[in-house]
């Protein structure tokens, strides 16, 4: 990725995976108008260079629950103190 920028194809791939994380590359490629091989290469590059992750989560609303997701970044030195504070 030049300069850390995403182009339209990258954004299209990310959007498609956001809608359906299990969509086959062939279907995404057809929608975006490129080859499945291009999508596979872009996906691999995004995983390596941009730390893209596709994660499946259960729908908490169907189970009658509320989901809270908090992402924290901490240095190694402060991680233990942060963990204790959260407990």
C-alpha atoms as a PDB file:
ATOM      1  CA  UNK A   1       0.000   0.000   0.000  1.00  0.00           C
ATOM      2  CA  UNK A   2       1.610   3.204  -1.139  1.00  0.00           C
ATOM      3  CA  UNK A   3       1.665   5.682   1.713  1.00  0.00           C
ATOM      4  CA  UNK A   4      -0.889   3.658   3.678  1.00  0.00           C
ATOM      5  CA  UNK A   5      -3.762   4.742   1.421  1.00  0.00           C
ATOM      6  CA  UNK A   6      -6.612   2.493   0.378  1.00  0.00           C
ATOM      7  CA  UNK A   7      -7.888   2.748  -3.175  1.00  0.00           C
ATOM      8  CA  UNK A   8     -11.456   2.192  -4.367  1.00  0.00           C
ATOM      9  CA  UNK A   9     -10.885  -1.530  -4.899  1.00  0.00           C
ATOM     10  CA  UNK A  10      -9.534  -1.970  -1.363  1.00  0.00           C
ATOM     11  CA  UNK A  11     -12.506  -0.087   0.051  1.00  0.00           C
ATOM     12  CA  UNK A  12     -14.892  -2.144  -2.082  1.00  0.00           C
ATOM     13  CA  UNK A  13     -13.348  -5.378  -0.823  1.00  0.00           C
ATOM     14  CA  UNK A  14     -13.533  -4.231   2.795  1.00  0.00           C
ATOM     15  CA  UNK A  15     -17.144  -3.150   2.335  1.00  0.00           C
ATOM     16  CA  UNK A  16     -18.062  -6.509   0.788  1.00  0.00           C
ATOM     17  CA  UNK A  17     -16.456  -8.378   3.679  1.00  0.00           C
ATOM     18  CA  UNK A  18     -18.251  -6.109   6.131  1.00  0.00           C
ATOM     19  CA  UNK A  19     -21.570  -7.080   4.539  1.00  0.00           C
ATOM     20  CA  UNK A  20     -20.727 -10.788   4.347  1.00  0.00           C
ATOM     21  CA  UNK A  21     -17.454 -11.964   5.844  1.00  0.00           C
ATOM     22  CA  UNK A  22     -17.946 -15.378   4.259  1.00  0.00           C
ATOM     23  CA  UNK A  23     -18.555 -14.154   0.713  1.00  0.00           C
ATOM     24  CA  UNK A  24     -16.374 -16.010  -1.790  1.00  0.00           C
ATOM     25  CA  UNK A  25     -13.719 -14.025  -3.604  1.00  0.00           C
ATOM     26  CA  UNK A  26     -15.357 -14.979  -6.905  1.00  0.00           C
ATOM     27  CA  UNK A  27     -18.605 -13.225  -5.940  1.00  0.00           C
ATOM     28  CA  UNK A  28     -16.794 -10.149  -4.616  1.00  0.00           C
ATOM     29  CA  UNK A  29     -14.694 -10.054  -7.792  1.00  0.00           C
ATOM     30  CA  UNK A  30     -17.793 -10.214 -10.001  1.00  0.00           C
ATOM     31  CA  UNK A  31     -19.419  -7.324  -8.154  1.00  0.00           C
ATOM     32  CA  UNK A  32     -16.247  -5.213  -8.231  1.00  0.00           C
ATOM     33  CA  UNK A  33     -15.465  -6.055 -11.865  1.00  0.00           C
ATOM     34  CA  UNK A  34     -12.061  -7.671 -11.359  1.00  0.00           C
ATOM     35  CA  UNK A  35     -10.716 -11.219 -11.244  1.00  0.00           C
ATOM     36  CA  UNK A  36     -10.972 -13.464  -8.204  1.00  0.00           C
ATOM     37  CA  UNK A  37      -7.161 -13.650  -8.222  1.00  0.00           C
ATOM     38  CA  UNK A  38      -6.965  -9.853  -7.896  1.00  0.00           C
ATOM     39  CA  UNK A  39      -9.319  -9.959  -4.913  1.00  0.00           C
ATOM     40  CA  UNK A  40      -7.286 -12.764  -3.321  1.00  0.00           C
ATOM     41  CA  UNK A  41      -4.067 -10.753  -3.754  1.00  0.00           C
ATOM     42  CA  UNK A  42      -5.663  -7.596  -2.372  1.00  0.00           C
ATOM     43  CA  UNK A  43      -7.067  -9.507   0.602  1.00  0.00           C
ATOM     44  CA  UNK A  44      -3.666 -11.042   1.371  1.00  0.00           C
ATOM     45  CA  UNK A  45      -2.013  -7.624   1.116  1.00  0.00           C
ATOM     46  CA  UNK A  46      -4.598  -5.995   3.368  1.00  0.00           C
ATOM     47  CA  UNK A  47      -4.139  -8.732   5.946  1.00  0.00           C
ATOM     48  CA  UNK A  48      -0.357  -8.327   5.880  1.00  0.00           C
ATOM     49  CA  UNK A  49       0.064  -4.580   5.483  1.00  0.00           C
ATOM     50  CA  UNK A  50      -3.101  -3.143   7.022  1.00  0.00           C
ATOM     51  CA  UNK A  51      -3.816  -5.815   9.656  1.00  0.00           C
ATOM     52  CA  UNK A  52      -7.249  -6.519   8.161  1.00  0.00           C
ATOM     53  CA  UNK A  53      -9.122  -9.174  10.124  1.00  0.00           C
ATOM     54  CA  UNK A  54     -12.452 -10.797   9.443  1.00  0.00           C
ATOM     55  CA  UNK A  55     -14.039 -11.925  12.694  1.00  0.00           C
ATOM     56  CA  UNK A  56     -17.338 -13.707  13.165  1.00  0.00           C
ATOM     57  CA  UNK A  57     -19.429 -12.705  16.156  1.00  0.00           C
ATOM     58  CA  UNK A  58     -22.778 -14.027  17.315  1.00  0.00           C
ATOM     59  CA  UNK A  59     -25.660 -11.563  17.038  1.00  0.00           C
ATOM     60  CA  UNK A  60     -26.300 -10.550  20.671  1.00  0.00           C
ATOM     61  CA  UNK A  61     -29.699  -9.028  19.831  1.00  0.00           C
ATOM     62  CA  UNK A  62     -31.057 -12.429  18.807  1.00  0.00           C
ATOM     63  CA  UNK A  63     -30.011 -13.779  22.197  1.00  0.00           C
ATOM     64  CA  UNK A  64     -31.637 -10.858  24.022  1.00  0.00           C
ATOM     65  CA  UNK A  65     -28.309  -9.400  25.077  1.00  0.00           C
ATOM     66  CA  UNK A  66     -26.420  -6.189  24.556  1.00  0.00           C
ATOM     67  CA  UNK A  67     -22.911  -6.241  23.181  1.00  0.00           C
ATOM     68  CA  UNK A  68     -20.205  -3.854  24.271  1.00  0.00           C
ATOM     69  CA  UNK A  69     -16.872  -3.904  22.520  1.00  0.00           C
ATOM     70  CA  UNK A  70     -13.943  -1.880  23.793  1.00  0.00           C
ATOM     71  CA  UNK A  71     -10.527  -1.898  22.158  1.00  0.00           C
ATOM     72  CA  UNK A  72      -7.644  -0.597  24.218  1.00  0.00           C
ATOM     73  CA  UNK A  73      -4.051  -0.168  23.219  1.00  0.00           C
ATOM     74  CA  UNK A  74      -1.460  -0.117  25.971  1.00  0.00           C
ATOM     75  CA  UNK A  75       2.261  -0.391  26.310  1.00  0.00           C
ATOM     76  CA  UNK A  76       3.663  -3.570  27.804  1.00  0.00           C
ATOM     77  CA  UNK A  77       4.568  -1.674  30.961  1.00  0.00           C
ATOM     78  CA  UNK A  78       1.049  -0.420  31.604  1.00  0.00           C
ATOM     79  CA  UNK A  79      -0.928  -3.491  30.507  1.00  0.00           C
ATOM     80  CA  UNK A  80      -1.004  -5.123  33.977  1.00  0.00           C
ATOM     81  CA  UNK A  81      -2.083  -1.896  35.694  1.00  0.00           C
ATOM     82  CA  UNK A  82      -4.751  -1.350  33.082  1.00  0.00           C
ATOM     83  CA  UNK A  83      -6.037  -4.920  33.465  1.00  0.00           C
ATOM     84  CA  UNK A  84      -6.278  -4.528  37.249  1.00  0.00           C
ATOM     85  CA  UNK A  85      -8.128  -1.239  36.883  1.00  0.00           C
ATOM     86  CA  UNK A  86     -10.656  -2.791  34.543  1.00  0.00           C
ATOM     87  CA  UNK A  87     -11.348  -5.717  36.868  1.00  0.00           C
END
